Amino acid sequence: MNTRRKEIIIDLISNVLVLPILCWPMWIYRFPFLYSDSGTYLIAFRQHQIPIDRPVMYSELVSRIANFSSVYAIPLFQSLLVLYVMYIFVHRGFKGKFIPGTSALIALLLAGTSGLPFLVNQIMPDLLTPLLFLIAWTLFKPKAKLGLHRLVFWIVFALITATHTTHLLLGLFAVAIAFMFQSDKRNKWSWNSLILGVLLSVFTLPLNNYRLSGRFYYSDSSRVFLTASLQTAGVLVPWLERHCGEGNAPLFLCTERSRLAEMSGNDILWNSDILIDSSCNAVGGWGFCWKQRNEELKAMASGWWKDRAVFRKWLGYAWGSTWQQSINFGVGMISSQKEGSAPYEVLKEAWPLDLARYKSSKQYTQDLYFHGASIRQMIAVIAGLFVIMFAFFVRKPALARLDDQNRLGFALFLFIVCNAAICGVFSNPLDRYEARVIWLIPLMAFLWLFLQLENYRLKKNENEHIHDGDDEPWLSLSMPRESDKTDQ
């Protein structure tokens, strides 16, 4: 058996062994984690509907998996996807040579030190966010020998950008920073990859909507969510006071200014009738009302930022929210989903066998708090930051060729901050939003440590070879011997 085949077998066996370990919360808590939004994701595609407040791609993915087998198969598939992307990234997209099984070993370490297993175990698209960065970085690595994996990676990248509205923006950003920090700008292939990445990020979501509904569009609620974020930022009411009576100020908001002053952004979305009136609700329900309001908000959404005083106030809020989101990355908690909740009713309707198993799970009986996991992740992130900073600023002969790792670390920092800005500004800062990408920091730290161990092993082997009797050791490292020339 040749060396390459042995390496493939070792990688395959190690990843198969780690796959169920990465799903350990499912075995401990006896069911995949369900948020209230999980019910929508499980049922929307099954009912041939595009949700008004989110893309349908992830719903299609999890529905097909659950229909094929069980809801339990969703975390197993997500674990497989993470291990595959990590394997290609570590062994093909990262600058350095690792022994077989390294990516699986790093995944095993992350399973015990980070919140990655909790992302794997939840029926939410949060797990897919960091994969955008890993995939883009690998695809733009110069002279990377990806083979068929390149096509698979582009397909996975395109699908992920269509699973969540934030993924569209983060996909564009991941492609941009991978091109900026890695590509040879003189190479036509690099520019073609940039164009392909942008096109896939921009068009996959509306094309998928067109496939299912016959309409080419991004979202019927994007301006509604923007309005809620402006209210959270504290700039909606001041803007209305300055512009009500003008053509770009929505009448239904101007008439409710006094009520809006007492509301939060989430109150506008979920706890009031401002977006929903009886007439439109009777015609098509709250989703139909949101769609109508979304059109009425078009003028305001495209021009609110032109008010300089309002925009300056919003920038102050954006800066503070980005910082708050950046440091808020605990694993968090999950509320119990009992009778009457969306996930419970979906399981009851579509997967009754899984409902019986869910009723024996810990989440069914109580809210779940993951204080220990949050502490472990905090320690791992802080330690990872120290390791990465050490790699950035320490220059010694033993720590050779760190330039590529430095670029990767800086690009990762920008991606994590971009995620915090998008989620913190356009939603309320929430630990779950940053926890979905923060485990990339200990991943990079582990990669750097393994790289140094591998460099040490190779140097030790070279020294042993020199001490074994090579009279002119520099010949073995820089040029062939005479005997080698004869053999050729």
Foldseek 3Di string as FASTA:
>chain_A
DDPVVVLVVLQVVLLVVLLVLLQVVCVVQVAFFEFLCLLCLCCQVVVLHADQAWGNLLSVVQNVQCVVPHNVCQLSVLSVVVLVLQVCLLPFLDPFHFGRSLSSVLSNVCSPQACSSSVSRHSALLLCQQSLLSLLSRLQAPPGPCVVVNVVSLVSLLSSLQGGVVSLVLNLLSNVLSLVLHHDPVDPVSVVSNVSSNCSSPQSNQVVVCVRPVGRDRHLQPLLLQLLLLLQLVLNLVLLVVQPVHPQRQPLCNVCSVVSVVDHSVCSVPPDCSQPDPVQCVVPRSSSSSSVVSVSNVSCVVPVCVPPVSVVSLVVQLVVLLVVLLVQAFSFKHAAQEPPRSNLVSCVVPPVVVNVSVCVGPSNVGIGGPPVNRVSNVVLLVVLVVLLVCLVPDDDPLSPDCPSLVSVVVSLVVSLSSQSSVPRSSHPRDNNSSSSRSSVSSSSSSSSVSSSVVSVVVVVVLVVVVVVDDPDSVCVVPHDDPVVVVVD
